[in-house]
Amino acid sequence: MIYLNGKFMPIEEACVPVLDRGFIFGDGVYEVIPAYSRKLFRLESHLHRLQHSLDSIRLTNPYNNSQWHDLLEKIVVGNDNEDQYIYLHVTRGVAKRDHAFPPNSTPTVFIMSNPLLAPSQDLLTNGCSAITAIDNRWIRCDIKSISLLPNVLLRQMAIDANASETILIRDGFLTEGSASSIFIVRDNVLLAPPKSHLMLPGITYDVVLELATANHIPYRIREIHEEELQSADEIMLTSSTREIMAVTRLNDNPVGTGRPGKLCQRLQQLYHHYKTTTMRGDTPLS
């Protein structure tokens, strides 16, 4: 079951006019929200990020937070899986093709659910591989825009190289992955690139730093040079759908020992405990 413009329906029945500005211009934004045991995870944070994206493209939010919550809950209940990831997007609606904002269009709102699968045991045991590439995206990466062609091409570079992710470098410094946030570990200190307009403010990124703070894990938020990435003791990627994953090979070279590092494994355990207790209504970070 999906939601489209005020109606719940099977996805096979959903249709969007070809003059929708999301289709014509990629003029819209989106969010991805995990639900564990049918409970939406960090919903307020996701809705806050959605509001930031909408404000940044000057599109009025069609719903308040309470209305979003009700709609998203109905999607979770209306689909089969206990663990789901909910995709929603909002476009500027249907209008005659013109670059300028249409004066009276109604936003298009689409919500769907997909199964949320836990990382495989192989990935947890062995980690994943990644490559690096120049970050050639636009400079408003803090907007979760549906215009994702650069990310698509960068992610495909990883697939072509039999890797899981492309880690992006801009002007010699780490920004993020094509579809993830990136952390590194050097000398037992967790390092995170600072939030800016050059990267998406990741919800899981925030959780990792909250877990580090609560559990006395030393960390620093600062710019990370490409050379530091290449020689890191550990690298990990984070996202709402992949949670926390060790990168054990970079550009076909081993990262550290070539196995998931101790700090990544600890953060994975802390994250699992946190999301489990969150679903029970308790949210300890340690």
Protein backbone atom coordinates (compact mmCIF):
# COMPACT_ATOMS: atom_id res chain seq x y z
CA MET A 1 0.00 0.00 0.00
CA ILE A 2 1.24 3.47 -0.91
CA TYR A 3 -0.01 7.01 -0.40
CA LEU A 4 -0.36 9.46 -3.27
CA ASN A 5 -1.98 12.88 -3.04
CA GLY A 6 -4.57 12.13 -0.38
CA LYS A 7 -5.31 8.50 -1.27
CA PHE A 8 -4.04 5.11 -0.09
CA MET A 9 -3.84 2.50 -2.86
CA PRO A 10 -1.84 -0.44 -4.22
CA ILE A 11 1.33 0.82 -5.90
CA GLU A 12 0.18 -0.68 -9.21
CA GLU A 13 -2.69 1.81 -9.31
CA ALA A 14 -0.55 4.90 -8.66
CA CYS A 15 -0.13 7.39 -11.52
CA VAL A 16 1.57 10.80 -11.68
CA PRO A 17 0.98 13.28 -14.54
CA VAL A 18 3.89 13.64 -16.95
CA LEU A 19 3.97 17.40 -16.30
CA ASP A 20 4.75 16.89 -12.62
CA ARG A 21 7.81 19.04 -11.91
CA GLY A 22 9.46 16.11 -10.16
CA PHE A 23 9.40 14.25 -13.47
CA ILE A 24 10.28 17.23 -15.67
CA PHE A 25 12.86 19.03 -13.49
CA GLY A 26 13.63 16.81 -10.50
CA ASP A 27 12.02 19.67 -8.55
CA GLY A 28 11.40 18.06 -5.19
CA VAL A 29 12.88 16.53 -2.06
CA TYR A 30 12.66 13.19 -0.26
CA GLU A 31 13.28 11.35 2.99
CA VAL A 32 13.98 7.73 3.96
CA ILE A 33 12.84 6.68 7.44
CA PRO A 34 13.49 3.26 9.00
CA ALA A 35 10.81 1.49 11.00
CA TYR A 36 11.86 -1.31 13.35
CA SER A 37 9.17 -3.64 14.72
CA ARG A 38 6.71 -1.27 12.99
CA LYS A 39 7.91 1.74 14.99
CA LEU A 40 9.32 4.72 13.12
CA PHE A 41 12.92 5.46 14.13
CA ARG A 42 14.03 9.03 14.92
CA LEU A 43 10.97 10.40 13.16
CA GLU A 44 11.32 13.93 14.53
CA SER A 45 14.89 14.14 13.20
CA HIS A 46 13.79 12.97 9.76
CA LEU A 47 10.91 15.44 9.66
CA HIS A 48 13.25 18.23 10.75
CA ARG A 49 15.58 17.35 7.86
CA LEU A 50 12.61 17.22 5.49
CA GLN A 51 11.61 20.71 6.61
CA HIS A 52 15.16 21.96 5.98
CA SER A 53 15.08 20.54 2.46
CA LEU A 54 11.65 22.04 1.72
CA ASP A 55 12.70 25.43 3.07
CA SER A 56 15.87 25.32 1.01
CA ILE A 57 13.94 24.88 -2.26
CA ARG A 58 11.21 27.33 -1.16
CA LEU A 59 8.43 24.75 -1.12
CA THR A 60 5.77 24.95 1.60
CA ASN A 61 5.45 21.81 3.68
CA PRO A 62 2.06 20.28 2.75
CA TYR A 63 1.58 18.75 6.23
CA ASN A 64 2.45 19.47 9.82
CA ASN A 65 4.42 16.92 11.87
CA SER A 66 1.30 15.36 13.37
CA GLN A 67 -0.22 14.82 9.93
CA TRP A 68 3.04 13.32 8.62
CA HIS A 69 3.13 11.00 11.61
CA ASP A 70 -0.41 9.76 10.97
CA LEU A 71 0.25 9.16 7.26
CA LEU A 72 3.52 7.35 7.87
CA GLU A 73 2.01 5.19 10.60
CA LYS A 74 -0.77 4.12 8.23
CA ILE A 75 1.79 3.13 5.60
CA VAL A 76 3.73 1.08 8.16
CA VAL A 77 0.55 -0.67 9.34
CA GLY A 78 -0.65 -1.22 5.77
CA ASN A 79 2.44 -3.15 4.67
CA ASP A 80 3.61 -6.64 5.63
CA ASN A 81 7.11 -6.37 7.06
CA GLU A 82 7.97 -5.80 10.71
CA ASP A 83 11.08 -3.85 9.66
CA GLN A 84 10.54 -1.38 6.82
CA TYR A 85 12.07 1.69 5.30
CA ILE A 86 9.61 4.37 4.36
CA TYR A 87 10.33 6.52 1.33
CA LEU A 88 8.49 9.80 0.94
CA HIS A 89 8.88 12.59 -1.53
CA VAL A 90 7.34 15.96 -2.19
CA THR A 91 7.49 17.75 -5.55
CA ARG A 92 6.34 21.22 -6.59
CA GLY A 93 3.40 19.60 -8.38
CA VAL A 94 1.95 19.73 -11.87
CA ALA A 95 2.32 22.81 -14.06
CA LYS A 96 3.13 23.96 -17.57
CA ARG A 97 6.81 23.39 -18.27
CA ASP A 98 8.64 26.55 -17.23
CA HIS A 99 11.71 26.88 -15.06
CA ALA A 100 10.07 29.57 -12.89
CA PHE A 101 7.98 28.44 -9.92
CA PRO A 102 4.32 27.98 -10.89
CA PRO A 103 2.12 30.40 -8.91
CA ASN A 104 -0.64 28.04 -7.80
CA SER A 105 0.50 24.42 -8.11
CA THR A 106 -0.37 21.82 -5.47
CA PRO A 107 2.57 19.73 -4.20
CA THR A 108 2.67 16.06 -5.13
CA VAL A 109 3.14 13.83 -2.07
CA PHE A 110 4.14 10.19 -2.46
CA ILE A 111 4.90 7.66 0.31
CA MET A 112 5.82 3.98 -0.03
CA SER A 113 7.32 1.18 2.06
CA ASN A 114 10.03 -1.37 1.29
CA PRO A 115 11.40 -4.24 3.42
CA LEU A 116 14.33 -3.18 5.61
CA LEU A 117 16.84 -6.00 5.58
CA ALA A 118 19.57 -6.24 8.21
CA PRO A 119 23.16 -6.33 6.90
CA SER A 120 24.18 -9.88 6.01
CA GLN A 121 26.41 -11.86 8.33
CA ASP A 122 29.08 -11.82 5.62
CA LEU A 123 29.14 -8.02 5.60
CA LEU A 124 29.21 -7.88 9.39
CA THR A 125 32.06 -10.40 9.51
CA ASN A 126 34.13 -9.23 6.56
CA GLY A 127 33.05 -5.64 5.91
CA CYS A 128 32.59 -4.14 2.47
CA SER A 129 34.79 -2.54 -0.16
CA ALA A 130 34.76 1.03 -1.46
CA ILE A 131 36.47 3.20 -4.02
CA THR A 132 37.19 6.92 -4.03
CA ALA A 133 36.19 9.50 -6.64
CA ILE A 134 36.09 13.26 -7.08
CA ASP A 135 32.90 14.76 -5.63
CA ASN A 136 31.43 16.38 -8.73
CA ARG A 137 27.95 17.09 -7.34
CA TRP A 138 26.40 20.53 -6.90
CA ILE A 139 27.24 22.56 -3.78
CA ARG A 140 23.88 22.15 -1.97
CA CYS A 141 24.32 18.54 -0.93
CA ASP A 142 22.61 19.37 2.39
CA ILE A 143 19.30 19.36 0.46
CA LYS A 144 17.90 15.85 0.13
CA SER A 145 16.90 16.47 -3.46
CA ILE A 146 15.29 13.93 -5.77
CA SER A 147 17.74 15.18 -8.46
CA LEU A 148 20.17 12.33 -7.79
CA LEU A 149 21.84 11.73 -11.16
CA PRO A 150 25.37 12.56 -9.90
CA ASN A 151 24.89 10.19 -6.95
CA VAL A 152 23.55 7.52 -9.30
CA LEU A 153 26.61 7.79 -11.54
CA LEU A 154 29.01 7.78 -8.59
CA ARG A 155 27.32 4.75 -7.02
CA GLN A 156 27.45 2.94 -10.36
CA MET A 157 31.22 3.52 -10.40
CA ALA A 158 31.35 1.42 -7.22
CA ILE A 159 29.15 -1.30 -8.71
CA ASP A 160 31.33 -1.43 -11.82
CA ALA A 161 34.37 -1.88 -9.56
CA ASN A 162 32.63 -4.66 -7.58
CA ALA A 163 32.48 -2.38 -4.55
CA SER A 164 29.67 -1.30 -2.22
CA GLU A 165 30.22 2.46 -2.11
CA THR A 166 32.04 5.39 -3.66
CA ILE A 167 33.66 7.69 -1.11
CA LEU A 168 33.81 11.27 -2.31
CA ILE A 169 36.70 13.73 -2.20
CA ARG A 170 36.31 17.47 -2.83
CA ASP A 171 39.36 19.74 -2.99
CA GLY A 172 41.43 17.08 -1.25
CA PHE A 173 39.06 16.46 1.66
CA LEU A 174 36.49 13.78 2.50
CA THR A 175 32.85 14.79 2.16
CA GLU A 176 30.66 11.62 2.28
CA GLY A 177 29.69 8.54 0.29
CA SER A 178 27.44 8.54 -2.75
CA ALA A 179 24.64 7.31 -0.45
CA SER A 180 26.14 7.34 3.04
CA SER A 181 28.05 9.27 5.68
CA ILE A 182 31.70 8.30 6.23
CA PHE A 183 33.74 8.08 9.46
CA ILE A 184 37.35 7.08 9.91
CA VAL A 185 39.42 5.99 12.90
CA ARG A 186 43.01 7.06 13.47
CA ASP A 187 44.96 6.33 16.66
CA ASN A 188 41.77 5.11 18.40
CA VAL A 189 39.96 8.42 17.75
CA LEU A 190 36.76 8.52 15.70
CA LEU A 191 36.93 11.29 13.10
CA ALA A 192 33.90 12.78 11.35
CA PRO A 193 33.80 15.46 8.63
CA PRO A 194 31.90 18.57 9.77
CA LYS A 195 28.38 19.15 8.49
CA SER A 196 28.19 21.73 5.73
CA HIS A 197 26.38 22.47 2.50
CA LEU A 198 28.71 19.93 0.86
CA MET A 199 27.21 16.90 2.62
CA LEU A 200 23.82 15.59 3.72
CA PRO A 201 23.20 15.92 7.48
CA GLY A 202 22.89 12.20 8.20
CA ILE A 203 20.51 11.00 10.90
CA THR A 204 22.67 7.92 11.57
CA TYR A 205 25.72 10.24 11.60
CA ASP A 206 24.06 12.04 14.53
CA VAL A 207 23.27 8.78 16.32
CA VAL A 208 26.89 7.60 16.00
CA LEU A 209 28.21 10.79 17.60
CA GLU A 210 25.57 10.63 20.35
CA LEU A 211 26.58 7.04 21.07
CA ALA A 212 30.25 8.03 21.13
CA THR A 213 29.53 10.84 23.60
CA ALA A 214 27.41 8.67 25.90
CA ASN A 215 29.98 5.86 25.91
CA HIS A 216 33.12 7.96 26.30
CA ILE A 217 34.47 7.10 22.86
CA PRO A 218 36.92 9.84 21.85
CA TYR A 219 35.97 11.62 18.65
CA ARG A 220 36.69 14.79 16.74
CA ILE A 221 34.66 16.62 14.11
CA ARG A 222 37.04 18.18 11.63
CA GLU A 223 38.04 18.18 7.99
CA ILE A 224 39.63 14.90 6.94
CA HIS A 225 42.32 14.98 4.27
CA GLU A 226 42.29 12.36 1.53
CA GLU A 227 45.65 11.03 2.74
CA GLU A 228 44.14 10.43 6.19
CA LEU A 229 41.31 8.48 4.60
CA GLN A 230 43.72 6.37 2.56
CA SER A 231 45.82 5.50 5.65
CA ALA A 232 42.99 5.18 8.19
CA ASP A 233 43.02 2.40 10.78
CA GLU A 234 39.28 1.94 10.24
CA ILE A 235 36.66 3.31 7.85
CA MET A 236 32.93 2.96 8.33
CA LEU A 237 29.89 4.09 6.40
CA THR A 238 26.51 4.88 7.91
CA SER A 239 22.99 5.37 6.58
CA SER A 240 19.40 4.76 7.62
CA THR A 241 19.18 1.57 5.56
CA ARG A 242 22.73 0.20 6.01
CA GLU A 243 23.13 1.36 9.63
CA ILE A 244 26.88 1.08 10.46
CA MET A 245 29.12 -0.92 8.16
CA ALA A 246 32.88 -1.42 8.15
CA VAL A 247 34.79 -0.61 4.97
CA THR A 248 37.64 -3.12 4.94
CA ARG A 249 39.01 -2.49 1.44
CA LEU A 250 39.53 0.90 -0.21
CA ASN A 251 40.61 1.15 -3.83
CA ASP A 252 41.42 -2.57 -3.64
CA ASN A 253 43.79 -2.10 -0.69
CA PRO A 254 43.09 -3.39 2.84
CA VAL A 255 41.94 -0.89 5.45
CA GLY A 256 43.89 -1.53 8.65
CA THR A 257 43.97 -5.28 9.18
CA GLY A 258 41.49 -5.85 6.37
CA ARG A 259 38.84 -6.87 8.90
CA PRO A 260 36.19 -4.83 10.72
CA GLY A 261 37.92 -2.84 13.46
CA LYS A 262 37.18 -2.89 17.17
CA LEU A 263 35.63 0.57 17.25
CA CYS A 264 33.28 -0.18 14.35
CA GLN A 265 32.21 -3.43 16.00
CA ARG A 266 31.55 -1.62 19.26
CA LEU A 267 29.49 1.06 17.58
CA GLN A 268 27.50 -1.61 15.72
CA GLN A 269 26.68 -3.27 19.06
CA LEU A 270 25.75 0.05 20.65
CA TYR A 271 23.58 1.00 17.68
CA HIS A 272 21.76 -2.35 17.75
CA HIS A 273 21.13 -1.97 21.48
CA TYR A 274 19.95 1.62 21.03
CA LYS A 275 17.46 0.86 18.25
CA THR A 276 16.17 -2.19 20.14
CA THR A 277 15.55 -0.25 23.35
CA THR A 278 14.06 2.64 21.35
CA MET A 279 11.45 0.26 19.97
CA ARG A 280 10.57 -0.73 23.53
CA GLY A 281 10.01 2.92 24.42
CA ASP A 282 13.26 3.39 26.31
CA THR A 283 16.15 5.19 24.62
CA PRO A 284 19.39 4.81 26.57
CA LEU A 285 22.48 5.67 24.53
CA SER A 286 24.88 3.66 26.65
